[in-house]
């Protein structure tokens, strides 16, 4: 089952790497593609757990587009900076 989720705060390949790594940790996920320019995460999963995936993305700092406002949006943005930095470091280490 293909699930597409438009999210906020995706800035670079580091963000994409963190998103892929965290979502692939779910046993039901077959693949994850992150389209940085469009801000879209495409998940191929065994079952439709889009609410669970949206919650995971929010926890990483990438809320579904239009769902986070005010302090929640500010917290998500801060988390995404950390997630991005971790992804960049992991990309550099794995080269």
N, C-alpha and C. Protein backbone atom coordinates (compact mmCIF):
# COMPACT_ATOMS: atom_id res chain seq x y z
N UNK A 1 0.84 -1.17 0.00
CA UNK A 1 0.00 0.00 0.00
C UNK A 1 0.89 1.24 0.00
N UNK A 2 0.61 2.16 -0.93
CA UNK A 2 1.38 3.40 -1.04
C UNK A 2 0.66 4.51 -0.27
N UNK A 3 1.42 5.19 0.59
CA UNK A 3 0.89 6.28 1.40
C UNK A 3 1.75 7.51 1.13
N UNK A 4 1.11 8.60 0.73
CA UNK A 4 1.82 9.86 0.50
C UNK A 4 1.40 10.86 1.56
N UNK A 5 2.41 11.47 2.20
CA UNK A 5 2.13 12.46 3.24
C UNK A 5 2.94 13.71 2.93
N UNK A 6 2.24 14.82 2.75
CA UNK A 6 2.90 16.12 2.56
C UNK A 6 3.29 16.63 3.94
N UNK A 7 4.56 16.99 4.08
CA UNK A 7 5.05 17.43 5.39
C UNK A 7 5.80 18.75 5.28
N UNK A 8 6.00 19.37 6.41
CA UNK A 8 6.74 20.63 6.51
C UNK A 8 8.15 20.37 7.01
N UNK A 9 9.03 21.33 6.79
CA UNK A 9 10.38 21.39 7.36
C UNK A 9 11.43 20.52 6.68
N UNK A 10 11.12 19.85 5.56
CA UNK A 10 12.16 19.09 4.87
C UNK A 10 13.04 20.09 4.11
N UNK A 11 14.34 20.06 4.41
CA UNK A 11 15.24 21.03 3.82
C UNK A 11 16.33 20.42 2.95
N UNK A 12 16.73 19.18 3.27
CA UNK A 12 17.92 18.65 2.58
C UNK A 12 17.96 17.12 2.65
N UNK A 13 19.05 16.58 2.11
CA UNK A 13 19.24 15.13 2.13
C UNK A 13 19.42 14.61 3.56
N UNK A 14 19.91 15.44 4.46
CA UNK A 14 20.03 15.03 5.86
C UNK A 14 18.66 14.78 6.46
N UNK A 15 17.73 15.67 6.17
CA UNK A 15 16.34 15.49 6.63
C UNK A 15 15.78 14.20 6.05
N UNK A 16 15.98 14.03 4.74
CA UNK A 16 15.46 12.84 4.06
C UNK A 16 16.04 11.57 4.67
N UNK A 17 17.34 11.58 4.97
CA UNK A 17 17.98 10.41 5.57
C UNK A 17 17.40 10.06 6.93
N UNK A 18 17.17 11.07 7.74
CA UNK A 18 16.58 10.83 9.06
C UNK A 18 15.17 10.27 8.94
N UNK A 19 14.40 10.84 8.03
CA UNK A 19 13.03 10.36 7.83
C UNK A 19 13.04 8.91 7.39
N UNK A 20 13.86 8.58 6.39
CA UNK A 20 13.93 7.21 5.88
C UNK A 20 14.33 6.24 6.99
N UNK A 21 15.38 6.59 7.71
CA UNK A 21 15.89 5.70 8.76
C UNK A 21 14.82 5.41 9.82
N UNK A 22 14.15 6.45 10.28
CA UNK A 22 13.16 6.27 11.33
C UNK A 22 11.92 5.53 10.86
N UNK A 23 11.45 5.82 9.66
CA UNK A 23 10.27 5.12 9.17
C UNK A 23 10.58 3.67 8.80
N UNK A 24 11.77 3.41 8.28
CA UNK A 24 12.14 2.04 7.92
C UNK A 24 12.31 1.14 9.15
N UNK A 25 12.40 1.73 10.32
CA UNK A 25 12.49 0.94 11.56
C UNK A 25 11.17 0.23 11.86
N UNK A 26 10.08 0.68 11.25
CA UNK A 26 8.78 0.02 11.41
C UNK A 26 8.77 -1.23 10.53
N UNK A 27 8.51 -2.38 11.12
CA UNK A 27 8.55 -3.66 10.40
C UNK A 27 7.58 -3.72 9.22
N UNK A 28 6.52 -2.93 9.26
CA UNK A 28 5.53 -2.94 8.19
C UNK A 28 5.88 -2.07 7.01
N UNK A 29 7.00 -1.36 7.07
CA UNK A 29 7.39 -0.46 6.00
C UNK A 29 8.34 -1.17 5.04
N UNK A 30 7.96 -1.17 3.76
CA UNK A 30 8.79 -1.79 2.73
C UNK A 30 9.81 -0.82 2.15
N UNK A 31 9.37 0.44 1.92
CA UNK A 31 10.28 1.44 1.37
C UNK A 31 9.79 2.83 1.72
N UNK A 32 10.72 3.78 1.66
CA UNK A 32 10.40 5.19 1.93
C UNK A 32 11.14 6.03 0.89
N UNK A 33 10.41 6.91 0.23
CA UNK A 33 11.00 7.88 -0.69
C UNK A 33 10.65 9.27 -0.16
N UNK A 34 11.63 10.14 -0.12
CA UNK A 34 11.40 11.51 0.34
C UNK A 34 11.69 12.45 -0.82
N UNK A 35 10.69 13.22 -1.20
CA UNK A 35 10.82 14.20 -2.27
C UNK A 35 11.02 15.57 -1.61
N UNK A 36 12.26 15.96 -1.50
CA UNK A 36 12.64 17.17 -0.76
C UNK A 36 11.97 18.41 -1.33
N UNK A 37 12.07 18.59 -2.64
CA UNK A 37 11.53 19.80 -3.28
C UNK A 37 10.03 19.96 -3.05
N UNK A 38 9.30 18.85 -3.11
CA UNK A 38 7.85 18.88 -2.96
C UNK A 38 7.40 18.77 -1.51
N UNK A 39 8.29 18.36 -0.63
CA UNK A 39 7.93 18.17 0.77
C UNK A 39 6.98 17.00 0.97
N UNK A 40 7.24 15.92 0.23
CA UNK A 40 6.35 14.76 0.27
C UNK A 40 7.14 13.52 0.66
N UNK A 41 6.56 12.73 1.55
CA UNK A 41 7.12 11.44 1.95
C UNK A 41 6.20 10.36 1.40
N UNK A 42 6.77 9.42 0.64
CA UNK A 42 5.99 8.32 0.07
C UNK A 42 6.44 7.04 0.76
N UNK A 43 5.49 6.39 1.39
CA UNK A 43 5.78 5.18 2.17
C UNK A 43 5.06 4.01 1.52
N UNK A 44 5.81 2.95 1.26
CA UNK A 44 5.22 1.70 0.79
C UNK A 44 5.17 0.79 2.01
N UNK A 45 3.95 0.45 2.44
CA UNK A 45 3.78 -0.30 3.68
C UNK A 45 2.84 -1.49 3.47
N UNK A 46 2.92 -2.44 4.37
CA UNK A 46 2.07 -3.62 4.31
C UNK A 46 0.63 -3.26 4.56
N UNK A 47 0.38 -2.34 5.48
CA UNK A 47 -0.98 -1.91 5.80
C UNK A 47 -1.05 -0.40 5.93
N UNK A 48 -2.26 0.14 5.86
CA UNK A 48 -2.45 1.58 5.94
C UNK A 48 -2.38 2.03 7.41
N UNK A 49 -1.24 2.57 7.76
CA UNK A 49 -1.05 3.12 9.10
C UNK A 49 -0.68 4.59 8.97
N UNK A 50 -1.39 5.30 8.09
CA UNK A 50 -1.02 6.68 7.80
C UNK A 50 -1.05 7.57 9.05
N UNK A 51 -2.00 7.32 9.95
CA UNK A 51 -2.04 8.12 11.19
C UNK A 51 -0.80 7.86 12.04
N UNK A 52 -0.37 6.61 12.10
CA UNK A 52 0.85 6.27 12.86
C UNK A 52 2.08 6.92 12.22
N UNK A 53 2.15 6.87 10.87
CA UNK A 53 3.29 7.46 10.19
C UNK A 53 3.30 8.98 10.35
N UNK A 54 2.14 9.59 10.29
CA UNK A 54 2.05 11.04 10.51
C UNK A 54 2.53 11.41 11.91
N UNK A 55 2.15 10.59 12.90
CA UNK A 55 2.58 10.83 14.28
C UNK A 55 4.10 10.67 14.41
N UNK A 56 4.66 9.67 13.72
CA UNK A 56 6.11 9.47 13.76
C UNK A 56 6.83 10.67 13.13
N UNK A 57 6.31 11.14 12.01
CA UNK A 57 6.91 12.29 11.35
C UNK A 57 6.84 13.54 12.22
N UNK A 58 5.71 13.75 12.87
CA UNK A 58 5.57 14.90 13.79
C UNK A 58 6.60 14.81 14.91
N UNK A 59 6.77 13.63 15.46
CA UNK A 59 7.73 13.44 16.55
C UNK A 59 9.16 13.76 16.11
N UNK A 60 9.45 13.53 14.81
CA UNK A 60 10.78 13.83 14.27
C UNK A 60 10.93 15.31 13.91
N UNK A 61 9.80 16.04 13.87
CA UNK A 61 9.85 17.46 13.51
C UNK A 61 9.35 17.77 12.12
N UNK A 62 8.67 16.81 11.50
CA UNK A 62 8.14 16.98 10.15
C UNK A 62 6.62 16.76 10.16
N UNK A 63 5.87 17.74 10.67
CA UNK A 63 4.42 17.57 10.77
C UNK A 63 3.76 17.56 9.39
N UNK A 64 2.65 16.86 9.32
CA UNK A 64 1.86 16.86 8.09
C UNK A 64 1.46 18.31 7.79
N UNK A 65 1.55 18.68 6.54
CA UNK A 65 1.27 20.06 6.13
C UNK A 65 -0.09 20.52 6.65
N UNK A 66 -0.08 21.69 7.30
CA UNK A 66 -1.30 22.30 7.78
C UNK A 66 -1.82 21.79 9.12
N UNK A 67 -1.05 20.93 9.79
CA UNK A 67 -1.55 20.37 11.06
C UNK A 67 -0.92 20.99 12.29
N UNK A 68 0.20 21.68 12.14
CA UNK A 68 0.89 22.24 13.30
C UNK A 68 0.86 23.77 13.24
N UNK A 69 0.46 24.38 14.35
CA UNK A 69 0.43 25.83 14.44
C UNK A 69 1.03 26.27 15.77
N UNK A 70 1.42 27.53 15.82
CA UNK A 70 1.90 28.12 17.07
C UNK A 70 3.08 27.40 17.65
N UNK A 71 3.00 27.10 18.93
CA UNK A 71 4.11 26.49 19.66
C UNK A 71 4.41 25.09 19.14
N UNK A 72 3.39 24.36 18.69
CA UNK A 72 3.60 23.02 18.14
C UNK A 72 4.45 23.11 16.88
N UNK A 73 4.15 24.09 16.03
CA UNK A 73 4.93 24.29 14.81
C UNK A 73 6.37 24.70 15.14
N UNK A 74 6.54 25.55 16.13
CA UNK A 74 7.89 25.98 16.54
C UNK A 74 8.70 24.81 17.08
N UNK A 75 8.07 23.97 17.89
CA UNK A 75 8.76 22.78 18.42
C UNK A 75 9.14 21.84 17.28
N UNK A 76 8.23 21.65 16.33
CA UNK A 76 8.50 20.77 15.20
C UNK A 76 9.69 21.29 14.39
N UNK A 77 9.74 22.59 14.18
CA UNK A 77 10.84 23.18 13.42
C UNK A 77 12.17 22.95 14.14
N UNK A 78 12.18 23.13 15.45
CA UNK A 78 13.39 22.91 16.23
C UNK A 78 13.83 21.44 16.15
N UNK A 79 12.88 20.54 16.26
CA UNK A 79 13.20 19.11 16.17
C UNK A 79 13.74 18.77 14.79
N UNK A 80 13.17 19.39 13.76
CA UNK A 80 13.63 19.09 12.40
C UNK A 80 15.08 19.53 12.20
N UNK A 81 15.51 20.62 12.84
CA UNK A 81 16.91 21.05 12.73
C UNK A 81 17.83 19.98 13.32
N UNK A 82 17.45 19.41 14.44
CA UNK A 82 18.25 18.35 15.07
C UNK A 82 18.26 17.11 14.18
N UNK A 83 17.08 16.72 13.70
CA UNK A 83 16.97 15.56 12.83
C UNK A 83 17.80 15.74 11.57
N UNK A 84 17.75 16.93 11.01
CA UNK A 84 18.52 17.27 9.82
C UNK A 84 20.02 17.11 10.08
N UNK A 85 20.49 17.66 11.20
CA UNK A 85 21.91 17.58 11.54
C UNK A 85 22.36 16.14 11.72
N UNK A 86 21.54 15.34 12.38
CA UNK A 86 21.87 13.92 12.57
C UNK A 86 21.95 13.22 11.22
N UNK A 87 20.99 13.49 10.36
CA UNK A 87 20.99 12.89 9.03
C UNK A 87 22.22 13.28 8.22
N UNK A 88 22.63 14.54 8.30
CA UNK A 88 23.83 15.00 7.58
C UNK A 88 25.08 14.28 8.07
N UNK A 89 25.20 14.15 9.38
CA UNK A 89 26.37 13.47 9.95
C UNK A 89 26.37 12.01 9.52
N UNK A 90 25.23 11.35 9.60
CA UNK A 90 25.16 9.95 9.19
C UNK A 90 25.47 9.78 7.71
N UNK A 91 25.01 10.71 6.87
CA UNK A 91 25.32 10.64 5.43
C UNK A 91 26.83 10.77 5.21
N UNK A 92 27.48 11.65 5.97
CA UNK A 92 28.93 11.85 5.82
C UNK A 92 29.69 10.61 6.29
N UNK A 93 29.25 10.00 7.37
CA UNK A 93 29.92 8.82 7.91
C UNK A 93 29.76 7.63 6.98
N UNK A 94 28.62 7.51 6.33
CA UNK A 94 28.33 6.36 5.48
C UNK A 94 28.89 6.48 4.07
N UNK A 95 29.56 7.60 3.76
CA UNK A 95 30.14 7.76 2.40
C UNK A 95 31.42 7.03 2.25
